[in-house]
Amino acid sequence: MYTATLQQDRDMKINVKEARRRFSELLDRAEHGEDVVVTRRGKSAVRFVVAGKGQPRHVLPDLSEFRTSIKARGRLTESLLKDREDARY
């Protein structure tokens, strides 16, 4: 059952079953600027959008220096259990 419909010039709505079958085609269409909306039970569920090229990725800071600066006394498990017990009383 083919239920994809074109809205305006560049919008496409398609149900989940058909989207599974035509996934690669839908990705290609979205990459070329077409709006692709996947519907579930007749209601919009998700929209395919192009991931922005050149957008800066969030780079996590290097924490190796911070990690080496932490000094644990005794065995870590003992220290954690003692802190937990102290917090209770």
Protein backbone atom coordinates (compact mmCIF):
# COMPACT_ATOMS: atom_id res chain seq x y z
CA MET A 1 0.00 0.00 0.00
CA TYR A 2 1.60 3.23 -1.15
CA THR A 3 0.52 6.22 0.94
CA ALA A 4 3.25 8.74 0.26
CA THR A 5 1.78 12.05 -0.73
CA LEU A 6 3.44 15.18 -1.96
CA GLN A 7 2.49 18.41 -0.27
CA GLN A 8 3.33 21.65 -2.00
CA ASP A 9 6.48 21.19 -4.09
CA ARG A 10 9.06 19.61 -1.82
CA ASP A 11 7.24 18.00 1.13
CA MET A 12 6.63 14.28 1.40
CA LYS A 13 4.54 12.38 3.95
CA ILE A 14 4.92 8.63 4.16
CA ASN A 15 3.71 6.00 6.63
CA VAL A 16 6.09 3.93 8.77
CA LYS A 17 5.68 0.71 6.82
CA GLU A 18 6.46 2.38 3.50
CA ALA A 19 9.30 4.38 5.06
CA ARG A 20 10.99 1.18 6.20
CA ARG A 21 10.81 -0.21 2.70
CA ARG A 22 12.15 2.97 1.07
CA PHE A 23 14.52 4.22 3.78
CA SER A 24 17.54 4.82 1.51
CA GLU A 25 15.43 6.76 -0.98
CA LEU A 26 14.01 8.92 1.81
CA LEU A 27 17.49 9.71 3.09
CA ASP A 28 18.54 10.76 -0.41
CA ARG A 29 15.48 13.00 -0.76
CA ALA A 30 16.11 14.61 2.63
CA GLU A 31 19.78 15.19 1.74
CA HIS A 32 18.64 17.03 -1.38
CA GLY A 33 16.49 19.42 0.64
CA GLU A 34 13.10 17.73 0.46
CA ASP A 35 11.00 17.63 3.63
CA VAL A 36 10.26 14.01 4.50
CA VAL A 37 7.71 13.37 7.24
CA VAL A 38 7.04 9.86 8.51
CA THR A 39 3.55 9.35 9.87
CA ARG A 40 2.23 6.85 12.37
CA ARG A 41 -1.49 6.16 12.28
CA GLY A 42 -1.98 9.21 10.10
CA LYS A 43 -0.22 11.64 12.45
CA SER A 44 3.23 13.13 11.89
CA ALA A 45 5.80 11.24 13.96
CA VAL A 46 9.24 12.33 12.71
CA ARG A 47 10.79 14.62 10.11
CA PHE A 48 14.03 13.85 8.29
CA VAL A 49 16.36 16.84 8.21
CA VAL A 50 19.87 17.22 6.90
CA ALA A 51 22.50 17.22 9.61
CA GLY A 52 24.35 20.52 9.32
CA LYS A 53 27.77 20.25 7.78
CA GLY A 54 30.47 22.31 9.38
CA GLN A 55 28.61 22.79 12.63
CA PRO A 56 31.03 22.63 15.52
CA ARG A 57 30.78 19.47 17.54
CA HIS A 58 30.83 19.79 21.29
CA VAL A 59 34.29 18.66 22.27
CA LEU A 60 34.63 17.41 25.81
CA PRO A 61 37.59 18.76 27.75
CA ASP A 62 40.57 16.54 28.51
CA LEU A 63 40.15 15.49 32.14
CA SER A 64 43.33 13.44 32.51
CA GLU A 65 45.08 16.16 34.55
CA PHE A 66 42.04 16.49 36.81
CA ARG A 67 41.84 12.73 37.31
CA THR A 68 45.49 12.48 38.32
CA SER A 69 45.00 15.31 40.84
CA ILE A 70 42.40 13.33 42.81
CA LYS A 71 43.92 11.48 45.72
CA ALA A 72 41.91 8.71 47.36
CA ARG A 73 42.90 7.67 50.88
CA GLY A 74 42.85 3.99 51.67
CA ARG A 75 40.90 1.70 49.44
CA LEU A 76 38.20 3.44 47.48
CA THR A 77 35.48 1.02 48.54
CA GLU A 78 36.29 1.48 52.21
CA SER A 79 36.32 5.25 51.79
CA LEU A 80 32.93 5.26 50.07
CA LEU A 81 31.37 2.98 52.68
CA LYS A 82 32.73 5.13 55.51
CA ASP A 83 31.36 8.31 53.87
CA ARG A 84 27.97 6.66 53.41
CA GLU A 85 27.88 5.51 57.03
CA ASP A 86 28.94 8.94 58.30
CA ALA A 87 26.17 10.58 56.26
CA ARG A 88 23.54 8.39 57.90
CA TYR A 89 24.36 9.40 61.47
